[in-house]
Amino acid sequence: MARERTDDWMQEAKDLARAERELQIEHWVYITFEYCECDRSRVVLHKIDMPRRMLDRWRWLVEWRRAKYVYQYPRKGVQVYYCYYDKRTGLQTGFGSLLSCVAAAKAQITKVERKIEEYVSYMSGNDLFFDPTTDEKLRCAKKKLAQKRAKYAELCALLQSEVAKHRANPGICKLFLGFRKLGEFTDIPQARKFAEESGETGTFNLIGDRFRDSWYQPKCIEEAGI
């Protein structure tokens, strides 16, 4: 049972890798060494842009450079931020990103198509009464496949729109409260000001071109009645 589960996971990983190749996703990582001032403005000390596959080999360089800046700015709280993105489109990759959703949707189509092919091959060789035009399981599987293809087409249309928007205005920032999108802004200070004045409480996520920031905003004292 465990072996079958492992084989399924490996096959899903292969399907996902194949989908990324077909979508021509080029995994890169943009690394920044920075600290924040009291007003949360960024001070970027250094940038590294490299293919994702090189990161493990050059991890020592990242650690060395961070140690260097911590030594130079011991009270600034120097941090290292990793932004994973697609070199071709400029969009960010990673869990929950649009590109990862498109690749996962394409991989799901491949998986269902393979299951249908295996089912038809098995039933044709083992069931004399099998009729692919009337088989209920096959009909349900094809319906599921059609739904996944429709979802994939919808995501592809959204992806094209996002790529066009990003190329037209690469400096745009998207502000989220958790996973709820609050809006898009032309620069980082504008987005942070909106978050501070929104009266919302929770974890804010700000995503821009090769930039990502996250912070928790508590209830203000007046609202809490303290």
Protein backbone atom coordinates (compact mmCIF):
# COMPACT_ATOMS: atom_id res chain seq x y z
CA MET A 1 0.00 0.00 0.00
CA ALA A 2 2.80 2.39 0.94
CA ARG A 3 4.65 1.47 -2.28
CA GLU A 4 1.56 2.26 -4.36
CA ARG A 5 1.16 5.61 -2.61
CA THR A 6 4.82 6.45 -3.27
CA ASP A 7 4.46 5.49 -6.93
CA ASP A 8 1.40 7.76 -7.22
CA TRP A 9 3.30 10.67 -5.70
CA MET A 10 6.23 10.12 -8.06
CA GLN A 11 3.92 9.98 -11.06
CA GLU A 12 2.19 13.21 -9.97
CA ALA A 13 5.59 14.87 -9.62
CA LYS A 14 6.50 13.72 -13.14
CA ASP A 15 3.19 15.04 -14.48
CA LEU A 16 3.79 18.40 -12.83
CA ALA A 17 7.37 18.61 -14.16
CA ARG A 18 6.11 17.77 -17.64
CA ALA A 19 3.41 20.44 -17.40
CA GLU A 20 6.00 23.05 -16.37
CA ARG A 21 8.20 22.08 -19.35
CA GLU A 22 5.26 22.39 -21.74
CA LEU A 23 4.39 25.79 -20.25
CA GLN A 24 8.08 26.76 -20.63
CA ILE A 25 8.36 27.86 -17.01
CA GLU A 26 11.93 28.93 -16.20
CA HIS A 27 12.48 28.79 -12.43
CA TRP A 28 14.67 31.62 -11.13
CA VAL A 29 15.20 33.07 -7.67
CA TYR A 30 15.73 36.73 -6.83
CA ILE A 31 17.51 37.19 -3.49
CA THR A 32 17.70 40.48 -1.62
CA PHE A 33 19.63 41.39 1.52
CA GLU A 34 17.79 44.20 3.28
CA TYR A 35 16.49 45.71 6.46
CA CYS A 36 13.50 47.89 7.33
CA GLU A 37 13.53 51.34 8.87
CA CYS A 38 11.06 52.30 11.60
CA ASP A 39 8.54 53.42 8.94
CA ARG A 40 8.89 49.98 7.22
CA SER A 41 10.71 51.50 4.24
CA ARG A 42 13.13 49.05 2.63
CA VAL A 43 16.89 49.46 2.52
CA VAL A 44 18.23 46.95 -0.03
CA LEU A 45 21.90 46.20 0.52
CA HIS A 46 22.51 43.67 -2.24
CA LYS A 47 20.67 41.62 -4.90
CA ILE A 48 21.35 38.23 -6.46
CA ASP A 49 19.46 36.87 -9.46
CA MET A 50 20.13 33.24 -10.42
CA PRO A 51 18.49 30.07 -11.79
CA ARG A 52 16.69 28.14 -9.04
CA ARG A 53 18.78 25.02 -9.69
CA MET A 54 21.95 26.91 -8.70
CA LEU A 55 20.68 27.99 -5.27
CA ASP A 56 21.75 24.91 -3.31
CA ARG A 57 25.26 25.04 -4.79
CA TRP A 58 25.66 28.74 -3.94
CA ARG A 59 23.95 28.66 -0.54
CA TRP A 60 27.31 29.31 1.11
CA LEU A 61 27.57 32.63 -0.74
CA VAL A 62 24.16 33.73 0.55
CA GLU A 63 25.11 32.83 4.12
CA TRP A 64 28.47 34.56 3.83
CA ARG A 65 26.97 37.76 2.48
CA ARG A 66 24.26 37.82 5.14
CA ALA A 67 26.90 37.37 7.85
CA LYS A 68 28.84 40.26 6.32
CA TYR A 69 25.85 42.61 6.49
CA VAL A 70 24.85 41.49 9.98
CA TYR A 71 28.39 42.40 11.07
CA GLN A 72 28.14 45.80 9.34
CA TYR A 73 24.61 46.58 10.60
CA PRO A 74 24.24 44.64 13.88
CA ARG A 75 21.19 46.61 15.08
CA LYS A 76 19.25 46.71 11.82
CA GLY A 77 17.92 43.15 11.76
CA VAL A 78 19.24 42.27 8.31
CA GLN A 79 17.06 39.72 6.52
CA VAL A 80 17.39 37.64 3.37
CA TYR A 81 14.31 37.42 1.13
CA TYR A 82 13.84 34.85 -1.62
CA CYS A 83 11.47 35.60 -4.47
CA TYR A 84 10.88 32.64 -6.79
CA TYR A 85 9.71 33.66 -10.25
CA ASP A 86 9.45 32.62 -13.88
CA LYS A 87 12.13 34.26 -16.01
CA ARG A 88 10.00 34.19 -19.17
CA THR A 89 6.84 35.84 -17.85
CA GLY A 90 8.20 37.63 -14.78
CA LEU A 91 5.40 36.22 -12.62
CA GLN A 92 6.12 34.70 -9.24
CA THR A 93 6.07 30.95 -8.73
CA GLY A 94 5.60 28.89 -5.59
CA PHE A 95 2.64 27.56 -3.63
CA GLY A 96 -0.61 29.36 -4.43
CA SER A 97 0.80 31.38 -7.34
CA LEU A 98 -1.09 31.60 -10.62
CA LEU A 99 1.67 29.83 -12.53
CA SER A 100 1.68 26.92 -10.08
CA CYS A 101 -2.12 26.65 -10.36
CA VAL A 102 -1.90 26.54 -14.18
CA ALA A 103 0.81 23.87 -14.08
CA ALA A 104 -1.15 21.82 -11.52
CA ALA A 105 -4.32 22.06 -13.64
CA LYS A 106 -2.42 20.86 -16.71
CA ALA A 107 -0.90 18.00 -14.71
CA GLN A 108 -4.39 16.97 -13.54
CA ILE A 109 -5.54 16.75 -17.16
CA THR A 110 -2.61 14.47 -17.97
CA LYS A 111 -3.44 12.31 -14.94
CA VAL A 112 -7.11 11.86 -15.87
CA GLU A 113 -6.24 11.17 -19.52
CA ARG A 114 -3.81 8.46 -18.41
CA LYS A 115 -6.40 6.90 -16.07
CA ILE A 116 -8.97 6.83 -18.87
CA GLU A 117 -6.50 5.21 -21.25
CA GLU A 118 -5.56 2.58 -18.67
CA TYR A 119 -9.20 1.86 -17.86
CA VAL A 120 -10.22 1.46 -21.52
CA SER A 121 -7.19 -0.78 -22.20
CA TYR A 122 -7.93 -2.99 -19.18
CA MET A 123 -11.67 -3.28 -19.79
CA SER A 124 -11.23 -3.97 -23.50
CA GLY A 125 -8.95 -6.90 -22.70
CA ASN A 126 -10.87 -8.31 -19.72
CA ASP A 127 -14.57 -7.60 -20.26
CA LEU A 128 -16.29 -8.98 -23.35
CA PHE A 129 -19.33 -6.80 -22.73
CA PHE A 130 -17.41 -3.54 -22.36
CA ASP A 131 -18.81 -0.78 -24.57
CA PRO A 132 -16.93 2.54 -24.37
CA THR A 133 -19.96 4.41 -25.72
CA THR A 134 -22.26 3.35 -22.86
CA ASP A 135 -19.91 2.58 -19.94
CA GLU A 136 -20.99 4.70 -16.95
CA LYS A 137 -17.56 4.93 -15.30
CA LEU A 138 -16.00 6.04 -18.56
CA ARG A 139 -18.74 8.60 -19.09
CA CYS A 140 -18.14 10.10 -15.62
CA ALA A 141 -14.38 10.15 -16.20
CA LYS A 142 -14.79 11.99 -19.51
CA LYS A 143 -17.13 14.48 -17.86
CA LYS A 144 -14.51 15.09 -15.17
CA LEU A 145 -11.86 15.52 -17.86
CA ALA A 146 -14.01 18.10 -19.67
CA GLN A 147 -14.40 20.06 -16.42
CA LYS A 148 -10.65 20.05 -15.82
CA ARG A 149 -9.97 21.21 -19.37
CA ALA A 150 -12.47 24.05 -18.94
CA LYS A 151 -10.80 25.07 -15.67
CA TYR A 152 -7.39 24.94 -17.32
CA ALA A 153 -8.60 27.14 -20.22
CA GLU A 154 -9.97 29.63 -17.68
CA LEU A 155 -6.66 29.75 -15.81
CA CYS A 156 -4.70 30.15 -19.07
CA ALA A 157 -6.84 33.15 -20.03
CA LEU A 158 -6.22 34.67 -16.61
CA LEU A 159 -2.49 33.95 -16.95
CA GLN A 160 -2.30 35.74 -20.30
CA SER A 161 -4.08 38.72 -18.77
CA GLU A 162 -1.69 38.82 -15.79
CA VAL A 163 1.39 38.54 -18.04
CA ALA A 164 0.17 41.43 -20.21
CA LYS A 165 -0.60 43.52 -17.11
CA HIS A 166 2.80 42.75 -15.58
CA ARG A 167 4.70 43.67 -18.73
CA ALA A 168 2.74 46.90 -19.12
CA ASN A 169 3.31 47.90 -15.48
CA PRO A 170 6.01 45.79 -13.78
CA GLY A 171 6.07 48.06 -10.73
CA ILE A 172 2.54 47.21 -9.63
CA CYS A 173 2.07 45.77 -6.12
CA LYS A 174 -0.74 43.48 -4.94
CA LEU A 175 -1.90 43.66 -1.34
CA PHE A 176 -3.55 40.70 0.38
CA LEU A 177 -5.01 40.18 3.83
CA GLY A 178 -4.37 36.49 4.23
CA PHE A 179 -5.55 35.17 0.86
CA ARG A 180 -8.09 37.98 0.30
CA LYS A 181 -6.92 40.50 -2.27
CA LEU A 182 -7.37 44.10 -1.12
CA GLY A 183 -6.15 45.89 -4.21
CA GLU A 184 -3.32 46.81 -6.57
CA PHE A 185 -1.02 49.80 -6.09
CA THR A 186 1.60 51.62 -8.12
CA ASP A 187 4.26 51.53 -5.41
CA ILE A 188 5.08 49.93 -2.05
CA PRO A 189 4.57 52.99 0.23
CA GLN A 190 1.08 53.50 -1.20
CA ALA A 191 0.14 49.88 -0.48
CA ARG A 192 1.49 50.01 3.07
CA LYS A 193 -0.34 53.27 3.77
CA PHE A 194 -3.59 51.70 2.58
CA ALA A 195 -3.02 48.70 4.87
CA GLU A 196 -2.36 50.93 7.88
CA GLU A 197 -5.48 53.02 7.23
CA SER A 198 -7.76 50.08 6.35
CA GLY A 199 -8.65 49.28 9.96
CA GLU A 200 -8.18 45.59 9.13
CA THR A 201 -6.50 43.17 11.51
CA GLY A 202 -4.40 40.20 10.49
CA THR A 203 -1.45 39.20 8.34
CA PHE A 204 -0.90 41.40 5.31
CA ASN A 205 1.00 40.09 2.29
CA LEU A 206 2.45 42.50 -0.26
CA ILE A 207 3.61 41.03 -3.55
CA GLY A 208 5.42 43.04 -6.21
CA ASP A 209 7.90 42.51 -9.00
CA ARG A 210 10.56 40.27 -7.40
CA PHE A 211 9.42 41.46 -4.01
CA ARG A 212 7.37 39.98 -1.21
CA ASP A 213 6.71 41.25 2.29
CA SER A 214 4.49 40.07 5.12
CA TRP A 215 3.56 41.64 8.45
CA TYR A 216 0.95 41.30 11.17
CA GLN A 217 -1.23 44.30 11.96
CA PRO A 218 -2.99 44.09 15.36
CA LYS A 219 -6.10 45.93 16.43
CA CYS A 220 -5.44 49.50 17.39
CA ILE A 221 -5.88 50.37 21.08
CA GLU A 222 -8.91 52.60 20.43
CA GLU A 223 -10.79 49.84 18.57
CA ALA A 224 -9.98 47.28 21.25
CA GLY A 225 -11.48 49.61 23.87
CA ILE A 226 -8.38 49.56 26.02
